[in-house]
Structure formats: C-alpha cells, structure tokens
Amino acid sequence: MALTIHLDFNPYNADHRRAAKWLNAQSDPAEAIVRLIRAANEGERRLQQWEEMATLLANDLQAVRNQMSPHLHTPQPQQEIQENPESAHRLDTLFK
C-alpha cells in the first residue's frame, strides 16, 4: 500500500521551494521526513535540557548571592527628609 503525504506547498515562499527541492532530491523522501522528525524531537529534548540546566544555574547563582551578601536583601530604612522652612518659603515666592 502506497502512502501519500500531502503538504501545503506555497510556491511563493522561498523556504517551501527550498524544502520541496531538498525533498525531491532524496532517494527515499518518506525516510528523509522520518529523519527530520527524529532530529526535531532530539533538538527539542536537548533544548529542554538546556533550559533546565539554565534554571538550576540561576537558582545556584541566587543562592550564592544570598550567602555572599545577606545585607543586600534586608530592606534599608528610609530616611525621612526634613523640609527646610526657608527653602519652602523661597519656592513659594518664586511661583506666586
């Protein structure tokens, strides 16, 4: 039984034309598609591993940062700014 694969081909899309040319040059186009799918799945698996590793690295860096500088994570008390009555009076006279 022959297997028919239907692909939506847009002749105005350069990527579609390049893919069709490559697929046509393959001795077994169905096997070529299977290899592409396997490669895509492997790429997705490796990307997921890299994302997990990056997350673990970010968590480790945060832990090291917390250990090295615990005072950076404590909120600093806000200094209350005292209004100078003389400056306030001068500003009031400027904008009258």
C-alpha atoms as a PDB file:
ATOM      1  CA  MET A   1       0.000   0.000   0.000  1.00  0.00           C
ATOM      2  CA  ALA A   2       1.441   3.327  -1.045  1.00  0.00           C
ATOM      3  CA  LEU A   3       1.499   6.114   1.472  1.00  0.00           C
ATOM      4  CA  THR A   4       0.549   9.556   0.262  1.00  0.00           C
ATOM      5  CA  ILE A   5       1.693  12.605   2.157  1.00  0.00           C
ATOM      6  CA  HIS A   6       0.006  15.913   1.475  1.00  0.00           C
ATOM      7  CA  LEU A   7       1.930  19.067   2.219  1.00  0.00           C
ATOM      8  CA  ASP A   8       0.528  22.566   1.825  1.00  0.00           C
ATOM      9  CA  PHE A   9       3.037  23.995  -0.619  1.00  0.00           C
ATOM     10  CA  ASN A  10       3.243  27.709  -1.267  1.00  0.00           C
ATOM     11  CA  PRO A  11       5.276  28.286  -4.447  1.00  0.00           C
ATOM     12  CA  TYR A  12       5.778  31.944  -3.476  1.00  0.00           C
ATOM     13  CA  ASN A  13       7.504  31.038  -0.191  1.00  0.00           C
ATOM     14  CA  ALA A  14      11.267  30.591  -0.637  1.00  0.00           C
ATOM     15  CA  ASP A  15      11.511  28.194   2.331  1.00  0.00           C
ATOM     16  CA  HIS A  16       8.774  25.999   0.861  1.00  0.00           C
ATOM     17  CA  ARG A  17      10.523  25.908  -2.516  1.00  0.00           C
ATOM     18  CA  ARG A  18      13.870  25.052  -0.889  1.00  0.00           C
ATOM     19  CA  ALA A  19      12.275  22.288   1.203  1.00  0.00           C
ATOM     20  CA  ALA A  20      10.499  20.833  -1.839  1.00  0.00           C
ATOM     21  CA  LYS A  21      13.754  20.881  -3.824  1.00  0.00           C
ATOM     22  CA  TRP A  22      15.598  19.137  -0.978  1.00  0.00           C
ATOM     23  CA  LEU A  23      12.825  16.558  -0.518  1.00  0.00           C
ATOM     24  CA  ASN A  24      12.728  15.849  -4.261  1.00  0.00           C
ATOM     25  CA  ALA A  25      16.489  15.192  -4.252  1.00  0.00           C
ATOM     26  CA  GLN A  26      16.193  12.491  -1.564  1.00  0.00           C
ATOM     27  CA  SER A  27      16.286   8.871  -2.678  1.00  0.00           C
ATOM     28  CA  ASP A  28      13.570   7.982  -0.146  1.00  0.00           C
ATOM     29  CA  PRO A  29      11.526  11.101   0.703  1.00  0.00           C
ATOM     30  CA  ALA A  30       9.490   9.298   3.391  1.00  0.00           C
ATOM     31  CA  GLU A  31      12.659   8.187   5.205  1.00  0.00           C
ATOM     32  CA  ALA A  32      14.034  11.724   4.887  1.00  0.00           C
ATOM     33  CA  ILE A  33      10.900  13.073   6.606  1.00  0.00           C
ATOM     34  CA  VAL A  34      11.290  10.480   9.373  1.00  0.00           C
ATOM     35  CA  ARG A  35      14.919  11.586   9.890  1.00  0.00           C
ATOM     36  CA  LEU A  36      13.818  15.224  10.053  1.00  0.00           C
ATOM     37  CA  ILE A  37      11.163  14.410  12.650  1.00  0.00           C
ATOM     38  CA  ARG A  38      13.689  12.463  14.737  1.00  0.00           C
ATOM     39  CA  ALA A  39      16.169  15.341  14.520  1.00  0.00           C
ATOM     40  CA  ALA A  40      13.476  17.834  15.535  1.00  0.00           C
ATOM     41  CA  ASN A  41      12.480  15.669  18.512  1.00  0.00           C
ATOM     42  CA  GLU A  42      16.124  15.337  19.570  1.00  0.00           C
ATOM     43  CA  GLY A  43      16.588  19.082  19.235  1.00  0.00           C
ATOM     44  CA  GLU A  44      13.510  19.723  21.371  1.00  0.00           C
ATOM     45  CA  ARG A  45      14.776  17.290  24.022  1.00  0.00           C
ATOM     46  CA  ARG A  46      18.200  18.983  24.106  1.00  0.00           C
ATOM     47  CA  LEU A  47      16.632  22.435  24.301  1.00  0.00           C
ATOM     48  CA  GLN A  48      14.561  21.294  27.274  1.00  0.00           C
ATOM     49  CA  GLN A  49      17.747  20.001  28.959  1.00  0.00           C
ATOM     50  CA  TRP A  50      19.493  23.336  28.385  1.00  0.00           C
ATOM     51  CA  GLU A  51      16.512  25.236  29.804  1.00  0.00           C
ATOM     52  CA  GLU A  52      16.504  23.012  32.901  1.00  0.00           C
ATOM     53  CA  MET A  53      20.256  23.495  33.311  1.00  0.00           C
ATOM     54  CA  ALA A  54      19.912  27.269  32.955  1.00  0.00           C
ATOM     55  CA  THR A  55      17.177  27.298  35.608  1.00  0.00           C
ATOM     56  CA  LEU A  56      19.333  25.263  38.005  1.00  0.00           C
ATOM     57  CA  LEU A  57      22.290  27.556  37.354  1.00  0.00           C
ATOM     58  CA  ALA A  58      20.172  30.649  38.015  1.00  0.00           C
ATOM     59  CA  ASN A  59      18.937  29.125  41.284  1.00  0.00           C
ATOM     60  CA  ASP A  60      22.521  28.291  42.321  1.00  0.00           C
ATOM     61  CA  LEU A  61      23.688  31.803  41.490  1.00  0.00           C
ATOM     62  CA  GLN A  62      20.877  33.270  43.561  1.00  0.00           C
ATOM     63  CA  ALA A  63      21.813  31.033  46.496  1.00  0.00           C
ATOM     64  CA  VAL A  64      25.482  32.071  46.251  1.00  0.00           C
ATOM     65  CA  ARG A  65      24.476  35.728  46.010  1.00  0.00           C
ATOM     66  CA  ASN A  66      22.319  35.344  49.130  1.00  0.00           C
ATOM     67  CA  GLN A  67      25.195  33.709  51.021  1.00  0.00           C
ATOM     68  CA  MET A  68      27.747  36.327  49.991  1.00  0.00           C
ATOM     69  CA  SER A  69      25.713  39.437  50.666  1.00  0.00           C
ATOM     70  CA  PRO A  70      22.840  38.898  53.095  1.00  0.00           C
ATOM     71  CA  HIS A  71      22.756  42.600  53.941  1.00  0.00           C
ATOM     72  CA  LEU A  72      21.689  43.425  50.374  1.00  0.00           C
ATOM     73  CA  HIS A  73      18.390  41.636  50.899  1.00  0.00           C
ATOM     74  CA  THR A  74      17.404  43.394  54.109  1.00  0.00           C
ATOM     75  CA  PRO A  75      15.348  46.499  53.447  1.00  0.00           C
ATOM     76  CA  GLN A  76      17.147  49.707  54.293  1.00  0.00           C
ATOM     77  CA  PRO A  77      15.201  52.122  56.476  1.00  0.00           C
ATOM     78  CA  GLN A  78      14.008  55.157  54.568  1.00  0.00           C
ATOM     79  CA  GLN A  79      15.466  58.413  55.777  1.00  0.00           C
ATOM     80  CA  GLU A  80      12.828  60.999  56.388  1.00  0.00           C
ATOM     81  CA  ILE A  81      13.587  64.236  54.588  1.00  0.00           C
ATOM     82  CA  GLN A  82      13.033  67.290  56.712  1.00  0.00           C
ATOM     83  CA  GLU A  83      11.551  70.251  54.893  1.00  0.00           C
ATOM     84  CA  ASN A  84      13.541  73.431  55.272  1.00  0.00           C
ATOM     85  CA  PRO A  85      11.011  76.225  56.008  1.00  0.00           C
ATOM     86  CA  GLU A  86      13.257  78.857  54.442  1.00  0.00           C
ATOM     87  CA  SER A  87      13.583  76.911  51.172  1.00  0.00           C
ATOM     88  CA  ALA A  88       9.858  76.281  51.120  1.00  0.00           C
ATOM     89  CA  HIS A  89       9.166  79.974  51.579  1.00  0.00           C
ATOM     90  CA  ARG A  90      11.581  80.904  48.733  1.00  0.00           C
ATOM     91  CA  LEU A  91       9.961  78.376  46.388  1.00  0.00           C
ATOM     92  CA  ASP A  92       6.508  79.675  47.288  1.00  0.00           C
ATOM     93  CA  THR A  93       7.550  83.238  46.432  1.00  0.00           C
ATOM     94  CA  LEU A  94       9.042  82.149  43.092  1.00  0.00           C
ATOM     95  CA  PHE A  95       5.801  80.559  41.881  1.00  0.00           C
ATOM     96  CA  LYS A  96       3.354  83.251  43.007  1.00  0.00           C
END
